[in-house]
Amino acid sequence: MTTHIHASCHCGNLQSTLTTDQQPGDMWLRACQCSFCRSHNMRSLSDPAGHLEVRVRDESLLNRYRFGLKTIDFLICKSCGNYIGAVQQIGERTWGIMNANLTEGRGERFGEAEHRFYEDESADERTARRKKVWTPGELAIEGKASA
């Protein structure tokens, strides 16, 4: 049975939909232990067999934050400050994760997150891992930033 899991930042500028055949309790929920994810209490949700669409209403309110190995864009709303997830372009495809805390009920239906440490991975190792566990998808910009 196909399920559509929706997430939104507080003001609605950033929205995402994860389409999956998995049931919420069966999905792998992770809590990265880097300083950024810990400061946002991030719980990452993905399905490598699913599809993730992240929509941006107003690009001028999108902060694509990069740090560390600078391989992914952490998507943060400049208006309300919520972190909706992250995306990485790998070849011709976009791969991403969703912040379970921005789903209905703050993601309670997904259960407890597994704490993960990735500091010892190289950029290539991280990219290979993401291709295995992140969700293929797209980043759709609805409103372009005005000049």
C-alpha atoms as a PDB file:
ATOM      1  CA  MET A   1       0.000   0.000   0.000  1.00  0.00           C
ATOM      2  CA  THR A   2       1.493   3.304  -1.079  1.00  0.00           C
ATOM      3  CA  THR A   3       1.787   5.961   1.603  1.00  0.00           C
ATOM      4  CA  HIS A   4       2.486   9.673   1.174  1.00  0.00           C
ATOM      5  CA  ILE A   5       4.280  11.204   4.150  1.00  0.00           C
ATOM      6  CA  HIS A   6       4.124  14.986   4.196  1.00  0.00           C
ATOM      7  CA  ALA A   7       6.390  17.442   6.005  1.00  0.00           C
ATOM      8  CA  SER A   8       6.402  21.213   6.103  1.00  0.00           C
ATOM      9  CA  CYS A   9       8.398  23.955   7.721  1.00  0.00           C
ATOM     10  CA  HIS A  10       6.442  26.149  10.149  1.00  0.00           C
ATOM     11  CA  CYS A  11       5.564  28.856   7.602  1.00  0.00           C
ATOM     12  CA  GLY A  12       4.935  26.428   4.709  1.00  0.00           C
ATOM     13  CA  ASN A  13       7.663  27.734   2.393  1.00  0.00           C
ATOM     14  CA  LEU A  14       9.456  24.362   2.394  1.00  0.00           C
ATOM     15  CA  GLN A  15       7.387  21.212   1.945  1.00  0.00           C
ATOM     16  CA  SER A  16       8.294  17.627   1.224  1.00  0.00           C
ATOM     17  CA  THR A  17       6.478  14.442   0.346  1.00  0.00           C
ATOM     18  CA  LEU A  18       7.948  10.966   0.729  1.00  0.00           C
ATOM     19  CA  THR A  19       6.098   8.371  -1.322  1.00  0.00           C
ATOM     20  CA  THR A  20       6.763   4.879   0.008  1.00  0.00           C
ATOM     21  CA  ASP A  21       5.336   1.375   0.183  1.00  0.00           C
ATOM     22  CA  GLN A  22       6.724   0.961   3.712  1.00  0.00           C
ATOM     23  CA  GLN A  23       4.627   1.378   6.811  1.00  0.00           C
ATOM     24  CA  PRO A  24       5.807   4.164   9.162  1.00  0.00           C
ATOM     25  CA  GLY A  25       6.848   1.781  11.948  1.00  0.00           C
ATOM     26  CA  ASP A  26       8.975  -0.240   9.510  1.00  0.00           C
ATOM     27  CA  MET A  27      10.995   2.692   8.194  1.00  0.00           C
ATOM     28  CA  TRP A  28      14.600   3.244   9.217  1.00  0.00           C
ATOM     29  CA  LEU A  29      14.775   6.412  11.294  1.00  0.00           C
ATOM     30  CA  ARG A  30      18.252   7.790  11.981  1.00  0.00           C
ATOM     31  CA  ALA A  31      19.647  10.497  14.216  1.00  0.00           C
ATOM     32  CA  CYS A  32      22.987  11.685  12.888  1.00  0.00           C
ATOM     33  CA  GLN A  33      25.266  12.728  15.726  1.00  0.00           C
ATOM     34  CA  CYS A  34      27.042  15.617  13.980  1.00  0.00           C
ATOM     35  CA  SER A  35      26.805  19.014  15.676  1.00  0.00           C
ATOM     36  CA  PHE A  36      24.353  20.400  13.085  1.00  0.00           C
ATOM     37  CA  CYS A  37      21.872  17.510  13.270  1.00  0.00           C
ATOM     38  CA  ARG A  38      22.092  17.321  17.058  1.00  0.00           C
ATOM     39  CA  SER A  39      21.428  21.066  17.393  1.00  0.00           C
ATOM     40  CA  HIS A  40      18.274  20.636  15.256  1.00  0.00           C
ATOM     41  CA  ASN A  41      17.255  17.359  16.958  1.00  0.00           C
ATOM     42  CA  MET A  42      17.099  15.923  13.425  1.00  0.00           C
ATOM     43  CA  ARG A  43      15.580  12.514  12.809  1.00  0.00           C
ATOM     44  CA  SER A  44      16.197  11.477   9.187  1.00  0.00           C
ATOM     45  CA  LEU A  45      13.614   9.500   7.283  1.00  0.00           C
ATOM     46  CA  SER A  46      14.228   7.886   3.895  1.00  0.00           C
ATOM     47  CA  ASP A  47      13.294   4.965   1.669  1.00  0.00           C
ATOM     48  CA  PRO A  48      15.683   3.997  -1.149  1.00  0.00           C
ATOM     49  CA  ALA A  49      12.750   2.359  -2.986  1.00  0.00           C
ATOM     50  CA  GLY A  50      10.525   5.429  -2.564  1.00  0.00           C
ATOM     51  CA  HIS A  51      10.432   8.927  -4.025  1.00  0.00           C
ATOM     52  CA  LEU A  52      11.078  12.240  -2.263  1.00  0.00           C
ATOM     53  CA  GLU A  53       9.884  15.584  -3.545  1.00  0.00           C
ATOM     54  CA  VAL A  54      10.985  18.761  -1.788  1.00  0.00           C
ATOM     55  CA  ARG A  55       9.109  21.885  -2.895  1.00  0.00           C
ATOM     56  CA  VAL A  56      10.223  25.459  -2.320  1.00  0.00           C
ATOM     57  CA  ARG A  57       7.578  28.183  -2.686  1.00  0.00           C
ATOM     58  CA  ASP A  58       9.957  31.165  -2.519  1.00  0.00           C
ATOM     59  CA  GLU A  59      13.594  30.484  -3.362  1.00  0.00           C
ATOM     60  CA  SER A  60      14.697  33.770  -1.756  1.00  0.00           C
ATOM     61  CA  LEU A  61      13.675  32.227   1.603  1.00  0.00           C
ATOM     62  CA  LEU A  62      15.696  29.030   1.078  1.00  0.00           C
ATOM     63  CA  ASN A  63      19.051  28.635   2.808  1.00  0.00           C
ATOM     64  CA  ARG A  64      21.181  25.844   1.304  1.00  0.00           C
ATOM     65  CA  TYR A  65      23.627  25.359   4.150  1.00  0.00           C
ATOM     66  CA  ARG A  66      26.820  23.341   3.599  1.00  0.00           C
ATOM     67  CA  PHE A  67      29.483  22.438   6.128  1.00  0.00           C
ATOM     68  CA  GLY A  68      32.016  19.706   6.826  1.00  0.00           C
ATOM     69  CA  LEU A  69      32.740  17.845   3.585  1.00  0.00           C
ATOM     70  CA  LYS A  70      30.329  20.186   1.722  1.00  0.00           C
ATOM     71  CA  THR A  71      28.711  17.331  -0.230  1.00  0.00           C
ATOM     72  CA  ILE A  72      25.054  18.029   0.623  1.00  0.00           C
ATOM     73  CA  ASP A  73      22.666  20.933   0.927  1.00  0.00           C
ATOM     74  CA  PHE A  74      20.894  21.196   4.275  1.00  0.00           C
ATOM     75  CA  LEU A  75      17.595  22.919   3.392  1.00  0.00           C
ATOM     76  CA  ILE A  76      16.597  25.552   5.939  1.00  0.00           C
ATOM     77  CA  CYS A  77      13.773  28.079   5.717  1.00  0.00           C
ATOM     78  CA  LYS A  78      15.040  31.632   6.195  1.00  0.00           C
ATOM     79  CA  SER A  79      11.569  32.737   7.303  1.00  0.00           C
ATOM     80  CA  CYS A  80      10.803  30.291  10.141  1.00  0.00           C
ATOM     81  CA  GLY A  81      14.189  28.630  10.656  1.00  0.00           C
ATOM     82  CA  ASN A  82      13.009  25.018  10.235  1.00  0.00           C
ATOM     83  CA  TYR A  83      15.330  22.415   8.692  1.00  0.00           C
ATOM     84  CA  ILE A  84      13.220  20.207   6.399  1.00  0.00           C
ATOM     85  CA  GLY A  85      15.930  17.814   5.213  1.00  0.00           C
ATOM     86  CA  ALA A  86      18.935  17.509   2.954  1.00  0.00           C
ATOM     87  CA  VAL A  87      19.664  16.720  -0.681  1.00  0.00           C
ATOM     88  CA  GLN A  88      22.714  15.627  -2.640  1.00  0.00           C
ATOM     89  CA  GLN A  89      23.137  15.614  -6.387  1.00  0.00           C
ATOM     90  CA  ILE A  90      24.856  12.373  -7.410  1.00  0.00           C
ATOM     91  CA  GLY A  91      25.386  12.214 -11.141  1.00  0.00           C
ATOM     92  CA  GLU A  92      22.078  13.049 -12.800  1.00  0.00           C
ATOM     93  CA  ARG A  93      19.986  12.145  -9.744  1.00  0.00           C
ATOM     94  CA  THR A  94      18.991  13.926  -6.581  1.00  0.00           C
ATOM     95  CA  TRP A  95      18.938  11.939  -3.330  1.00  0.00           C
ATOM     96  CA  GLY A  96      17.448  13.196  -0.097  1.00  0.00           C
ATOM     97  CA  ILE A  97      16.219  12.730   3.433  1.00  0.00           C
ATOM     98  CA  MET A  98      13.225  14.188   5.241  1.00  0.00           C
ATOM     99  CA  ASN A  99      13.095  15.566   8.774  1.00  0.00           C
ATOM    100  CA  ALA A 100      10.565  13.284  10.489  1.00  0.00           C
ATOM    101  CA  ASN A 101      10.039  15.940  13.173  1.00  0.00           C
ATOM    102  CA  LEU A 102       8.267  18.163  10.616  1.00  0.00           C
ATOM    103  CA  THR A 103       5.660  15.521   9.756  1.00  0.00           C
ATOM    104  CA  GLU A 104       2.236  15.190  11.358  1.00  0.00           C
ATOM    105  CA  GLY A 105       2.494  14.556  15.098  1.00  0.00           C
ATOM    106  CA  ARG A 106       6.206  15.486  15.016  1.00  0.00           C
ATOM    107  CA  GLY A 107       6.989  12.044  13.605  1.00  0.00           C
ATOM    108  CA  GLU A 108       5.837  10.048  16.637  1.00  0.00           C
ATOM    109  CA  ARG A 109       4.563   7.219  14.408  1.00  0.00           C
ATOM    110  CA  PHE A 110       8.113   6.433  13.271  1.00  0.00           C
ATOM    111  CA  GLY A 111       9.341   5.487  16.738  1.00  0.00           C
ATOM    112  CA  GLU A 112      12.807   5.974  18.155  1.00  0.00           C
ATOM    113  CA  ALA A 113      15.698   6.974  15.928  1.00  0.00           C
ATOM    114  CA  GLU A 114      18.881   4.945  15.647  1.00  0.00           C
ATOM    115  CA  HIS A 115      21.875   7.115  16.538  1.00  0.00           C
ATOM    116  CA  ARG A 116      24.523   7.077  13.805  1.00  0.00           C
ATOM    117  CA  PHE A 117      28.070   8.421  13.619  1.00  0.00           C
ATOM    118  CA  TYR A 118      29.499   9.244  10.177  1.00  0.00           C
ATOM    119  CA  GLU A 119      32.581  11.319  11.052  1.00  0.00           C
ATOM    120  CA  ASP A 120      35.063   8.648   9.930  1.00  0.00           C
ATOM    121  CA  GLU A 121      33.621   8.390   6.407  1.00  0.00           C
ATOM    122  CA  SER A 122      35.319  10.037   3.444  1.00  0.00           C
ATOM    123  CA  ALA A 123      33.250  12.088   0.987  1.00  0.00           C
ATOM    124  CA  ASP A 124      33.162   9.114  -1.409  1.00  0.00           C
ATOM    125  CA  GLU A 125      32.073   6.722   1.354  1.00  0.00           C
ATOM    126  CA  ARG A 126      29.279   9.090   2.400  1.00  0.00           C
ATOM    127  CA  THR A 127      28.068   9.439  -1.163  1.00  0.00           C
ATOM    128  CA  ALA A 128      28.043   5.650  -1.637  1.00  0.00           C
ATOM    129  CA  ARG A 129      26.112   5.184   1.629  1.00  0.00           C
ATOM    130  CA  ARG A 130      23.577   7.841   0.691  1.00  0.00           C
ATOM    131  CA  LYS A 131      22.906   6.149  -2.653  1.00  0.00           C
ATOM    132  CA  LYS A 132      22.024   2.995  -0.690  1.00  0.00           C
ATOM    133  CA  VAL A 133      19.802   4.457   2.056  1.00  0.00           C
ATOM    134  CA  TRP A 134      18.583   7.906   0.975  1.00  0.00           C
ATOM    135  CA  THR A 135      15.513   8.431  -1.211  1.00  0.00           C
ATOM    136  CA  PRO A 136      15.790   9.335  -4.890  1.00  0.00           C
ATOM    137  CA  GLY A 137      13.786  12.423  -5.711  1.00  0.00           C
ATOM    138  CA  GLU A 138      13.751  16.015  -6.773  1.00  0.00           C
ATOM    139  CA  LEU A 139      14.041  19.547  -5.477  1.00  0.00           C
ATOM    140  CA  ALA A 140      11.301  21.638  -7.102  1.00  0.00           C
ATOM    141  CA  ILE A 141      11.584  25.427  -6.973  1.00  0.00           C
ATOM    142  CA  GLU A 142       8.157  26.999  -7.529  1.00  0.00           C
ATOM    143  CA  GLY A 143       9.044  30.666  -7.072  1.00  0.00           C
ATOM    144  CA  LYS A 144      12.412  31.922  -8.260  1.00  0.00           C
ATOM    145  CA  ALA A 145      14.246  34.464  -6.180  1.00  0.00           C
ATOM    146  CA  SER A 146      13.690  37.990  -7.385  1.00  0.00           C
ATOM    147  CA  ALA A 147      16.712  40.079  -8.346  1.00  0.00           C
END
